[in-house]
Amino acid sequence: MISTLRPALVLFAALTVATGVIYPVAVTSAGQALFPHQAAGSIIEVDGKAIGSMLIGQQFTTPGYFWGRPSATSPAPYNASGSSASNLGPLNPAFTEAVKGRAEALRAADPGNRAPIPVDLVTASGSGLDPEISMAAAQYQLHRVASARGMAPGQVQALIAQHASRQYFGIFGEARVNVLALNLALDGKTPHTR
């Protein structure tokens, strides 16, 4: 029995060291060397104070700010320690009610806007932490934000264009904009990343 048990224990110890020590140290070191900003959490600072991360969304609900994608995390929206989806399917009545409520809130905040609501403004993502919205979602909110701030729509459009991120490698995903960075630009604050 010892002749059978010994190789199993040696293999267990070797795999524990390889996958529990060597691999995490190698990946962490490579991440910090190749992508230091992202590996440090992509923290945004304003006036020396950390106010968020470029990688985790925040909730904005006032008309003068762009609203991000809804979050289904609990116990609070955009809870990074509880990243999760709602697990409600499209035929679930609770999902339908949640989407309808989000659409009504968007319509109430901008009653004159009759454009179709982009799907990313009424459905939560798989992580519940999305920091970005599609360009269509930004365009949908443009007039509400401009009106609430007393700005010309062209000024807000210029900020959207300035903060837009292109597709990955020009073909993957879609153009998008980081909500926190865009809202900071609206406030006239220059974010610094560390």
C-alpha atoms as a PDB file:
ATOM      1  CA  MET A   1       0.000   0.000   0.000  1.00  0.00           C
ATOM      2  CA  ILE A   2       2.890   2.376   0.768  1.00  0.00           C
ATOM      3  CA  SER A   3       4.257   1.762  -2.717  1.00  0.00           C
ATOM      4  CA  THR A   4       0.951   3.022  -4.127  1.00  0.00           C
ATOM      5  CA  LEU A   5       0.457   5.871  -1.680  1.00  0.00           C
ATOM      6  CA  ARG A   6       3.953   7.354  -1.961  1.00  0.00           C
ATOM      7  CA  PRO A   7       3.772   8.289  -5.696  1.00  0.00           C
ATOM      8  CA  ALA A   8       0.314   9.793  -5.143  1.00  0.00           C
ATOM      9  CA  LEU A   9       1.583  11.968  -2.267  1.00  0.00           C
ATOM     10  CA  VAL A  10       4.668  13.040  -4.234  1.00  0.00           C
ATOM     11  CA  LEU A  11       2.493  13.961  -7.220  1.00  0.00           C
ATOM     12  CA  PHE A  12       0.055  15.809  -4.931  1.00  0.00           C
ATOM     13  CA  ALA A  13       2.914  17.813  -3.362  1.00  0.00           C
ATOM     14  CA  ALA A  14       4.478  18.600  -6.755  1.00  0.00           C
ATOM     15  CA  LEU A  15       1.190  19.788  -8.228  1.00  0.00           C
ATOM     16  CA  THR A  16       0.440  21.845  -5.118  1.00  0.00           C
ATOM     17  CA  VAL A  17       3.775  23.655  -5.429  1.00  0.00           C
ATOM     18  CA  ALA A  18       3.408  24.080  -9.211  1.00  0.00           C
ATOM     19  CA  THR A  19      -0.189  25.314  -9.226  1.00  0.00           C
ATOM     20  CA  GLY A  20      -0.359  26.906  -5.789  1.00  0.00           C
ATOM     21  CA  VAL A  21       3.000  28.695  -5.672  1.00  0.00           C
ATOM     22  CA  ILE A  22       4.965  28.775  -8.927  1.00  0.00           C
ATOM     23  CA  TYR A  23       2.055  29.523 -11.295  1.00  0.00           C
ATOM     24  CA  PRO A  24       0.482  32.355  -9.197  1.00  0.00           C
ATOM     25  CA  VAL A  25       3.881  33.995  -8.641  1.00  0.00           C
ATOM     26  CA  ALA A  26       4.702  33.778 -12.366  1.00  0.00           C
ATOM     27  CA  VAL A  27       1.336  35.167 -13.485  1.00  0.00           C
ATOM     28  CA  THR A  28       1.362  37.970 -10.903  1.00  0.00           C
ATOM     29  CA  SER A  29       4.924  38.938 -11.808  1.00  0.00           C
ATOM     30  CA  ALA A  30       4.153  38.920 -15.534  1.00  0.00           C
ATOM     31  CA  GLY A  31       0.999  40.988 -14.997  1.00  0.00           C
ATOM     32  CA  GLN A  32       2.813  43.577 -12.912  1.00  0.00           C
ATOM     33  CA  ALA A  33       5.659  43.788 -15.427  1.00  0.00           C
ATOM     34  CA  LEU A  34       3.553  43.902 -18.607  1.00  0.00           C
ATOM     35  CA  PHE A  35       0.391  45.664 -17.371  1.00  0.00           C
ATOM     36  CA  PRO A  36       1.309  47.598 -14.202  1.00  0.00           C
ATOM     37  CA  HIS A  37      -1.718  49.953 -14.298  1.00  0.00           C
ATOM     38  CA  GLN A  38      -4.253  47.144 -14.704  1.00  0.00           C
ATOM     39  CA  ALA A  39      -2.511  44.845 -12.213  1.00  0.00           C
ATOM     40  CA  ALA A  40      -2.699  47.619  -9.613  1.00  0.00           C
ATOM     41  CA  GLY A  41      -6.474  47.857 -10.084  1.00  0.00           C
ATOM     42  CA  SER A  42      -6.610  50.771 -12.571  1.00  0.00           C
ATOM     43  CA  ILE A  43      -7.361  53.158  -9.716  1.00  0.00           C
ATOM     44  CA  ILE A  44      -8.564  56.658 -10.631  1.00  0.00           C
ATOM     45  CA  GLU A  45      -7.486  59.540  -8.407  1.00  0.00           C
ATOM     46  CA  VAL A  46      -8.780  63.095  -8.334  1.00  0.00           C
ATOM     47  CA  ASP A  47      -6.862  65.630  -6.265  1.00  0.00           C
ATOM     48  CA  GLY A  48      -4.831  62.815  -4.685  1.00  0.00           C
ATOM     49  CA  LYS A  49      -7.928  60.883  -3.550  1.00  0.00           C
ATOM     50  CA  ALA A  50      -8.865  57.474  -4.987  1.00  0.00           C
ATOM     51  CA  ILE A  51     -12.445  57.655  -6.256  1.00  0.00           C
ATOM     52  CA  GLY A  52     -12.824  54.439  -8.204  1.00  0.00           C
ATOM     53  CA  SER A  53     -11.414  52.019 -10.705  1.00  0.00           C
ATOM     54  CA  MET A  54     -11.539  52.042 -14.483  1.00  0.00           C
ATOM     55  CA  LEU A  55     -12.435  48.342 -14.218  1.00  0.00           C
ATOM     56  CA  ILE A  56     -15.455  48.490 -11.876  1.00  0.00           C
ATOM     57  CA  GLY A  57     -18.639  50.420 -12.548  1.00  0.00           C
ATOM     58  CA  GLN A  58     -20.293  52.853 -10.176  1.00  0.00           C
ATOM     59  CA  GLN A  59     -23.935  53.781  -9.827  1.00  0.00           C
ATOM     60  CA  PHE A  60     -25.045  57.159 -11.215  1.00  0.00           C
ATOM     61  CA  THR A  61     -28.736  58.053 -11.068  1.00  0.00           C
ATOM     62  CA  THR A  62     -28.982  61.836 -11.410  1.00  0.00           C
ATOM     63  CA  PRO A  63     -29.944  63.295 -14.824  1.00  0.00           C
ATOM     64  CA  GLY A  64     -26.698  65.255 -15.197  1.00  0.00           C
ATOM     65  CA  TYR A  65     -24.575  62.115 -15.341  1.00  0.00           C
ATOM     66  CA  PHE A  66     -24.317  59.227 -17.763  1.00  0.00           C
ATOM     67  CA  TRP A  67     -25.771  56.072 -16.267  1.00  0.00           C
ATOM     68  CA  GLY A  68     -23.894  52.808 -16.521  1.00  0.00           C
ATOM     69  CA  ARG A  69     -25.089  49.325 -17.181  1.00  0.00           C
ATOM     70  CA  PRO A  70     -27.330  47.996 -14.390  1.00  0.00           C
ATOM     71  CA  SER A  71     -25.706  45.791 -11.776  1.00  0.00           C
ATOM     72  CA  ALA A  72     -27.263  42.649 -10.308  1.00  0.00           C
ATOM     73  CA  THR A  73     -24.685  42.209  -7.542  1.00  0.00           C
ATOM     74  CA  SER A  74     -25.827  42.013  -3.956  1.00  0.00           C
ATOM     75  CA  PRO A  75     -26.243  43.330  -1.383  1.00  0.00           C
ATOM     76  CA  ALA A  76     -25.491  46.572  -3.277  1.00  0.00           C
ATOM     77  CA  PRO A  77     -24.963  47.452  -6.953  1.00  0.00           C
ATOM     78  CA  TYR A  78     -21.383  47.198  -8.260  1.00  0.00           C
ATOM     79  CA  ASN A  79     -20.260  45.180  -5.242  1.00  0.00           C
ATOM     80  CA  ALA A  80     -16.836  43.992  -6.380  1.00  0.00           C
ATOM     81  CA  SER A  81     -16.653  41.378  -3.635  1.00  0.00           C
ATOM     82  CA  GLY A  82     -19.900  39.816  -4.850  1.00  0.00           C
ATOM     83  CA  SER A  83     -19.551  39.817  -8.618  1.00  0.00           C
ATOM     84  CA  SER A  84     -22.505  37.942 -10.046  1.00  0.00           C
ATOM     85  CA  ALA A  85     -25.367  37.932 -12.489  1.00  0.00           C
ATOM     86  CA  SER A  86     -29.028  37.683 -11.600  1.00  0.00           C
ATOM     87  CA  ASN A  87     -29.419  34.241 -13.219  1.00  0.00           C
ATOM     88  CA  LEU A  88     -32.879  35.263 -14.439  1.00  0.00           C
ATOM     89  CA  GLY A  89     -33.676  34.017 -17.940  1.00  0.00           C
ATOM     90  CA  PRO A  90     -35.509  36.082 -20.557  1.00  0.00           C
ATOM     91  CA  LEU A  91     -38.778  34.227 -19.904  1.00  0.00           C
ATOM     92  CA  ASN A  92     -38.675  34.836 -16.148  1.00  0.00           C
ATOM     93  CA  PRO A  93     -41.349  37.372 -15.076  1.00  0.00           C
ATOM     94  CA  ALA A  94     -38.927  38.925 -12.560  1.00  0.00           C
ATOM     95  CA  PHE A  95     -36.450  39.610 -15.375  1.00  0.00           C
ATOM     96  CA  THR A  96     -39.177  41.191 -17.496  1.00  0.00           C
ATOM     97  CA  GLU A  97     -40.264  43.399 -14.585  1.00  0.00           C
ATOM     98  CA  ALA A  98     -36.672  44.471 -13.862  1.00  0.00           C
ATOM     99  CA  VAL A  99     -36.098  45.447 -17.490  1.00  0.00           C
ATOM    100  CA  LYS A 100     -39.439  47.255 -17.631  1.00  0.00           C
ATOM    101  CA  GLY A 101     -38.604  49.179 -14.422  1.00  0.00           C
ATOM    102  CA  ARG A 102     -35.205  50.221 -15.777  1.00  0.00           C
ATOM    103  CA  ALA A 103     -36.773  51.365 -19.052  1.00  0.00           C
ATOM    104  CA  GLU A 104     -39.388  53.381 -17.156  1.00  0.00           C
ATOM    105  CA  ALA A 105     -36.661  55.065 -15.076  1.00  0.00           C
ATOM    106  CA  LEU A 106     -34.787  56.029 -18.250  1.00  0.00           C
ATOM    107  CA  ARG A 107     -37.975  57.377 -19.841  1.00  0.00           C
ATOM    108  CA  ALA A 108     -38.863  59.313 -16.668  1.00  0.00           C
ATOM    109  CA  ALA A 109     -35.420  60.924 -16.570  1.00  0.00           C
ATOM    110  CA  ASP A 110     -35.730  62.007 -20.223  1.00  0.00           C
ATOM    111  CA  PRO A 111     -39.447  62.123 -21.142  1.00  0.00           C
ATOM    112  CA  GLY A 112     -38.888  63.659 -24.583  1.00  0.00           C
ATOM    113  CA  ASN A 113     -36.561  60.875 -25.723  1.00  0.00           C
ATOM    114  CA  ARG A 114     -38.497  58.415 -27.893  1.00  0.00           C
ATOM    115  CA  ALA A 115     -35.443  56.622 -29.311  1.00  0.00           C
ATOM    116  CA  PRO A 116     -35.165  52.877 -28.723  1.00  0.00           C
ATOM    117  CA  ILE A 117     -33.360  52.175 -25.443  1.00  0.00           C
ATOM    118  CA  PRO A 118     -30.057  50.325 -25.987  1.00  0.00           C
ATOM    119  CA  VAL A 119     -30.124  46.877 -24.414  1.00  0.00           C
ATOM    120  CA  ASP A 120     -27.065  47.518 -22.224  1.00  0.00           C
ATOM    121  CA  LEU A 121     -28.961  50.236 -20.306  1.00  0.00           C
ATOM    122  CA  VAL A 122     -31.691  47.829 -19.168  1.00  0.00           C
ATOM    123  CA  THR A 123     -29.919  44.472 -18.739  1.00  0.00           C
ATOM    124  CA  ALA A 124     -27.208  43.597 -16.246  1.00  0.00           C
ATOM    125  CA  SER A 125     -24.030  41.883 -17.345  1.00  0.00           C
ATOM    126  CA  GLY A 126     -22.702  38.535 -16.220  1.00  0.00           C
ATOM    127  CA  SER A 127     -20.320  40.158 -13.733  1.00  0.00           C
ATOM    128  CA  GLY A 128     -22.555  43.027 -12.638  1.00  0.00           C
ATOM    129  CA  LEU A 129     -19.485  45.278 -12.620  1.00  0.00           C
ATOM    130  CA  ASP A 130     -19.311  46.683 -16.161  1.00  0.00           C
ATOM    131  CA  PRO A 131     -17.608  50.096 -16.100  1.00  0.00           C
ATOM    132  CA  GLU A 132     -18.404  50.843 -19.750  1.00  0.00           C
ATOM    133  CA  ILE A 133     -21.449  51.402 -21.929  1.00  0.00           C
ATOM    134  CA  SER A 134     -21.845  51.123 -25.674  1.00  0.00           C
ATOM    135  CA  MET A 135     -21.653  54.192 -27.864  1.00  0.00           C
ATOM    136  CA  ALA A 136     -25.385  53.734 -28.549  1.00  0.00           C
ATOM    137  CA  ALA A 137     -26.079  53.926 -24.798  1.00  0.00           C
ATOM    138  CA  ALA A 138     -23.999  57.098 -24.520  1.00  0.00           C
ATOM    139  CA  GLN A 139     -25.787  58.657 -27.514  1.00  0.00           C
ATOM    140  CA  TYR A 140     -29.158  57.758 -26.014  1.00  0.00           C
ATOM    141  CA  GLN A 141     -28.311  59.731 -22.847  1.00  0.00           C
ATOM    142  CA  LEU A 142     -26.548  62.658 -24.556  1.00  0.00           C
ATOM    143  CA  HIS A 143     -29.477  65.116 -24.669  1.00  0.00           C
ATOM    144  CA  ARG A 144     -30.607  64.378 -21.103  1.00  0.00           C
ATOM    145  CA  VAL A 145     -27.118  65.029 -19.743  1.00  0.00           C
ATOM    146  CA  ALA A 146     -26.607  68.139 -21.881  1.00  0.00           C
ATOM    147  CA  SER A 147     -29.977  69.578 -20.847  1.00  0.00           C
ATOM    148  CA  ALA A 148     -29.441  68.857 -17.125  1.00  0.00           C
ATOM    149  CA  ARG A 149     -26.036  70.541 -17.212  1.00  0.00           C
ATOM    150  CA  GLY A 150     -26.986  73.445 -19.476  1.00  0.00           C
ATOM    151  CA  MET A 151     -24.407  72.368 -22.042  1.00  0.00           C
ATOM    152  CA  ALA A 152     -24.667  72.292 -25.803  1.00  0.00           C
ATOM    153  CA  PRO A 153     -25.165  68.744 -27.120  1.00  0.00           C
ATOM    154  CA  GLY A 154     -22.057  69.220 -29.263  1.00  0.00           C
ATOM    155  CA  GLN A 155     -19.924  69.762 -26.154  1.00  0.00           C
ATOM    156  CA  VAL A 156     -21.176  66.535 -24.606  1.00  0.00           C
ATOM    157  CA  GLN A 157     -20.727  64.718 -27.923  1.00  0.00           C
ATOM    158  CA  ALA A 158     -17.104  65.886 -28.024  1.00  0.00           C
ATOM    159  CA  LEU A 159     -16.509  64.466 -24.527  1.00  0.00           C
ATOM    160  CA  ILE A 160     -18.043  61.149 -25.562  1.00  0.00           C
ATOM    161  CA  ALA A 161     -15.778  61.000 -28.619  1.00  0.00           C
ATOM    162  CA  GLN A 162     -12.747  61.968 -26.538  1.00  0.00           C
ATOM    163  CA  HIS A 163     -13.342  59.143 -24.043  1.00  0.00           C
ATOM    164  CA  ALA A 164     -14.408  56.470 -26.532  1.00  0.00           C
ATOM    165  CA  SER A 165     -12.465  53.230 -26.699  1.00  0.00           C
ATOM    166  CA  ARG A 166     -12.245  51.448 -30.014  1.00  0.00           C
ATOM    167  CA  GLN A 167     -12.810  47.783 -30.709  1.00  0.00           C
ATOM    168  CA  TYR A 168     -10.065  45.433 -29.546  1.00  0.00           C
ATOM    169  CA  PHE A 169      -7.631  44.983 -32.435  1.00  0.00           C
ATOM    170  CA  GLY A 170     -10.175  46.786 -34.630  1.00  0.00           C
ATOM    171  CA  ILE A 171     -12.502  43.769 -34.880  1.00  0.00           C
ATOM    172  CA  PHE A 172     -13.430  42.391 -31.450  1.00  0.00           C
ATOM    173  CA  GLY A 173     -16.273  43.771 -29.387  1.00  0.00           C
ATOM    174  CA  GLU A 174     -17.704  47.191 -30.011  1.00  0.00           C
ATOM    175  CA  ALA A 175     -16.737  50.788 -29.396  1.00  0.00           C
ATOM    176  CA  ARG A 176     -17.506  51.816 -25.818  1.00  0.00           C
ATOM    177  CA  VAL A 177     -16.983  54.549 -23.262  1.00  0.00           C
ATOM    178  CA  ASN A 178     -15.987  54.355 -19.592  1.00  0.00           C
ATOM    179  CA  VAL A 179     -18.812  55.901 -17.558  1.00  0.00           C
ATOM    180  CA  LEU A 180     -16.711  57.099 -14.610  1.00  0.00           C
ATOM    181  CA  ALA A 181     -14.097  58.768 -16.832  1.00  0.00           C
ATOM    182  CA  LEU A 182     -16.824  60.428 -18.901  1.00  0.00           C
ATOM    183  CA  ASN A 183     -18.667  61.714 -15.830  1.00  0.00           C
ATOM    184  CA  LEU A 184     -15.433  63.065 -14.360  1.00  0.00           C
ATOM    185  CA  ALA A 185     -14.815  64.900 -17.635  1.00  0.00           C
ATOM    186  CA  LEU A 186     -18.311  66.388 -17.379  1.00  0.00           C
ATOM    187  CA  ASP A 187     -17.433  67.660 -13.908  1.00  0.00           C
ATOM    188  CA  GLY A 188     -14.276  69.211 -15.337  1.00  0.00           C
ATOM    189  CA  LYS A 189     -12.058  67.006 -13.227  1.00  0.00           C
ATOM    190  CA  THR A 190      -8.951  65.453 -14.655  1.00  0.00           C
ATOM    191  CA  PRO A 191      -8.554  61.900 -13.388  1.00  0.00           C
ATOM    192  CA  HIS A 192      -5.096  60.532 -12.713  1.00  0.00           C
ATOM    193  CA  THR A 193      -4.478  56.820 -12.736  1.00  0.00           C
ATOM    194  CA  ARG A 194      -2.003  54.995 -10.577  1.00  0.00           C
END
